[in-house]
Amino acid sequence: MKRPTLLLLAPVRPVTDLERSVSHYRDLGFAVELYDGTYAFARRDAAELHLALMPDLEPAVGAAAVFLRVDHAEVLATGWDDREPVQTPCGQREGAHIDPDNNLLRYGSR
């Protein structure tokens, strides 16, 4: 059986305030395009995140996470770091950023 080629992986991030989230992701360096009043696309380099308005979301129990491979020196210059980056046993340096809706962006570099 032939399997289709996957051309893009775009995690959908639940957000409680689309306007605030669009602004937040633009501040992180993403180009953000509004689809309608409930959905937006955040793109940067080879990464794409979708922002979906879910006004009744309870961030403490409905949070989502995504991992991005990055150049860590560039991340340090952007202010993404919410937590002190750590060196993992596999030799990767990893950090984390939490958006206004408690969605976790984990990132790392070798």
Protein backbone atom coordinates (compact mmCIF):
# COMPACT_ATOMS: atom_id res chain seq x y z
CA MET A 1 0.00 0.00 0.00
CA LYS A 2 1.38 3.40 -0.98
CA ARG A 3 1.47 5.93 1.83
CA PRO A 4 1.11 9.67 1.20
CA THR A 5 4.10 11.93 1.80
CA LEU A 6 3.70 14.15 4.84
CA LEU A 7 4.39 17.70 3.71
CA LEU A 8 3.82 19.59 6.96
CA LEU A 9 3.25 18.96 10.64
CA ALA A 10 1.38 21.84 12.27
CA PRO A 11 0.31 21.34 15.89
CA VAL A 12 -2.90 23.14 16.85
CA ARG A 13 -2.49 25.26 19.96
CA PRO A 14 -5.66 25.99 21.98
CA VAL A 15 -5.89 29.67 22.99
CA THR A 16 -8.42 31.60 25.07
CA ASP A 17 -7.77 35.01 23.47
CA LEU A 18 -6.80 34.90 19.80
CA GLU A 19 -5.76 38.56 19.58
CA ARG A 20 -3.44 38.23 22.60
CA SER A 21 -1.96 35.00 21.23
CA VAL A 22 -1.39 36.49 17.77
CA SER A 23 0.49 39.36 19.40
CA HIS A 24 2.48 36.98 21.62
CA TYR A 25 3.61 34.76 18.74
CA ARG A 26 4.49 37.80 16.61
CA ASP A 27 6.67 38.99 19.52
CA LEU A 28 8.41 35.58 19.37
CA GLY A 29 9.26 36.23 15.71
CA PHE A 30 6.49 34.25 14.01
CA ALA A 31 4.67 35.61 10.97
CA VAL A 32 1.01 35.26 11.94
CA GLU A 33 -1.86 35.14 9.48
CA LEU A 34 -5.46 35.33 10.67
CA TYR A 35 -7.79 32.84 9.02
CA ASP A 36 -10.95 34.11 10.68
CA GLY A 37 -11.97 35.30 14.16
CA THR A 38 -11.30 31.86 15.65
CA TYR A 39 -8.15 30.56 13.92
CA ALA A 40 -4.69 31.74 12.90
CA PHE A 41 -1.47 30.36 11.41
CA ALA A 42 1.89 31.16 13.03
CA ARG A 43 4.87 30.46 10.76
CA ARG A 44 8.59 30.83 11.28
CA ASP A 45 11.25 29.17 9.13
CA ALA A 46 10.26 25.48 8.79
CA ALA A 47 7.84 25.55 11.75
CA GLU A 48 4.11 26.16 11.64
CA LEU A 49 1.71 26.34 14.59
CA HIS A 50 -2.04 26.79 14.33
CA LEU A 51 -3.83 28.85 16.97
CA ALA A 52 -7.44 27.80 17.63
CA LEU A 53 -9.74 29.90 19.79
CA MET A 54 -11.21 27.87 22.64
CA PRO A 55 -12.64 30.47 25.04
CA ASP A 56 -13.70 27.86 27.63
CA LEU A 57 -10.23 26.27 27.77
CA GLU A 58 -8.91 25.66 31.27
CA PRO A 59 -5.15 26.12 30.67
CA ALA A 60 -4.08 24.20 33.77
CA VAL A 61 -5.71 21.00 32.46
CA GLY A 62 -5.92 21.65 28.72
CA ALA A 63 -2.37 22.66 27.91
CA ALA A 64 -0.50 21.21 24.94
CA ALA A 65 3.21 20.91 24.15
CA VAL A 66 5.35 20.97 21.02
CA PHE A 67 9.10 20.53 20.53
CA LEU A 68 11.14 22.72 18.15
CA ARG A 69 14.76 22.14 17.10
CA VAL A 70 16.54 25.51 17.20
CA ASP A 71 19.89 27.28 17.26
CA HIS A 72 20.20 27.88 21.00
CA ALA A 73 22.34 31.01 20.67
CA GLU A 74 19.55 32.61 18.64
CA VAL A 75 16.95 31.61 21.23
CA LEU A 76 18.93 33.27 24.00
CA ALA A 77 18.85 36.52 22.04
CA THR A 78 15.05 36.41 21.61
CA GLY A 79 13.95 36.17 25.22
CA TRP A 80 12.07 32.89 24.71
CA ASP A 81 13.65 31.33 27.79
CA ASP A 82 11.13 31.09 30.62
CA ARG A 83 13.25 28.54 32.43
CA GLU A 84 16.97 27.98 32.77
CA PRO A 85 18.09 25.77 29.85
CA VAL A 86 19.47 22.37 30.82
CA GLN A 87 21.99 20.00 29.27
CA THR A 88 20.34 16.60 28.69
CA PRO A 89 22.12 13.22 28.97
CA CYS A 90 21.90 12.83 25.17
CA GLY A 91 23.99 15.99 24.71
CA GLN A 92 21.17 18.33 23.76
CA ARG A 93 20.62 21.74 25.38
CA GLU A 94 16.89 22.24 26.05
CA GLY A 95 14.77 25.12 27.23
CA ALA A 96 11.10 25.97 27.52
CA HIS A 97 8.66 28.79 26.90
CA ILE A 98 5.05 28.91 28.08
CA ASP A 99 2.59 31.03 26.13
CA PRO A 100 -0.29 33.01 27.73
CA ASP A 101 -2.58 29.94 27.54
CA ASN A 102 -0.12 27.62 29.28
CA ASN A 103 0.91 25.89 26.03
CA LEU A 104 4.47 24.61 26.32
CA LEU A 105 7.03 25.28 23.61
CA ARG A 106 10.02 23.05 24.31
CA TYR A 107 13.10 23.63 22.22
CA GLY A 108 16.55 22.23 21.94
CA SER A 109 19.80 22.24 20.04
CA ARG A 110 22.68 19.83 19.81
